[in-house]
Amino acid sequence: MFAYPSYEDAAHGLAGFGRLGAPLAPEGVLRGAAPAEAEPALGPAARAGFLMERQ
């Protein structure tokens, strides 16, 4: 999980990893409760994020 404080920041990070050919999960940017559901250890500042398939 790559966690960010905003959707915009997460989308920017996702695009950068995509340009590098990283194995990104097909879900794209997660927001709302989804980041904490994917990674329960995240704190409340993590409002968006994305996953890699093989991390």
Protein backbone atom coordinates (compact mmCIF):
# COMPACT_ATOMS: atom_id res chain seq x y z
CA MET A 1 0.00 0.00 0.00
CA PHE A 2 1.29 3.41 -0.96
CA ALA A 3 -0.75 5.82 1.17
CA TYR A 4 -1.28 9.54 0.59
CA PRO A 5 -3.17 12.37 2.30
CA SER A 6 -5.31 13.14 -0.77
CA TYR A 7 -6.74 11.57 -3.90
CA GLU A 8 -4.76 14.00 -6.06
CA ASP A 9 -1.47 13.01 -4.43
CA ALA A 10 -2.27 9.31 -4.80
CA ALA A 11 -3.25 9.74 -8.46
CA HIS A 12 0.03 11.55 -9.12
CA GLY A 13 1.99 8.75 -7.43
CA LEU A 14 0.06 6.07 -9.30
CA ALA A 15 0.76 7.75 -12.64
CA GLY A 16 4.47 7.94 -11.84
CA PHE A 17 4.70 4.27 -10.92
CA GLY A 18 2.67 3.42 -14.02
CA ARG A 19 5.21 5.24 -16.22
CA LEU A 20 7.92 3.08 -14.65
CA GLY A 21 6.04 -0.09 -15.58
CA ALA A 22 5.34 -1.08 -11.97
CA PRO A 23 2.93 -4.01 -11.45
CA LEU A 24 0.00 -1.91 -10.22
CA ALA A 25 -3.17 -3.50 -8.90
CA PRO A 26 -6.16 -2.98 -11.23
CA GLU A 27 -8.20 -1.14 -8.57
CA GLY A 28 -6.37 2.13 -9.22
CA VAL A 29 -6.59 4.78 -6.52
CA LEU A 30 -8.41 3.69 -3.38
CA ARG A 31 -10.15 6.33 -1.28
CA GLY A 32 -12.53 6.67 1.60
CA ALA A 33 -12.38 3.63 3.88
CA ALA A 34 -10.74 1.43 1.22
CA PRO A 35 -7.08 2.20 2.10
CA ALA A 36 -7.63 1.29 5.78
CA GLU A 37 -9.53 -1.84 4.76
CA ALA A 38 -6.58 -2.90 2.58
CA GLU A 39 -4.02 -2.00 5.25
CA PRO A 40 -5.51 -1.77 8.78
CA ALA A 41 -2.32 -0.26 10.25
CA LEU A 42 -2.85 3.03 8.38
CA GLY A 43 -3.69 6.10 10.41
CA PRO A 44 -6.42 8.64 9.71
CA ALA A 45 -4.12 10.86 7.60
CA ALA A 46 -4.08 8.19 4.88
CA ARG A 47 -7.10 9.19 2.84
CA ALA A 48 -6.10 7.62 -0.49
CA GLY A 49 -3.61 5.14 -1.86
CA PHE A 50 -2.90 2.36 -4.28
CA LEU A 51 -1.57 -1.17 -4.29
CA MET A 52 1.03 -3.03 -6.30
CA GLU A 53 0.31 -6.59 -7.34
CA ARG A 54 3.63 -7.99 -6.14
CA GLN A 55 4.79 -5.92 -3.21
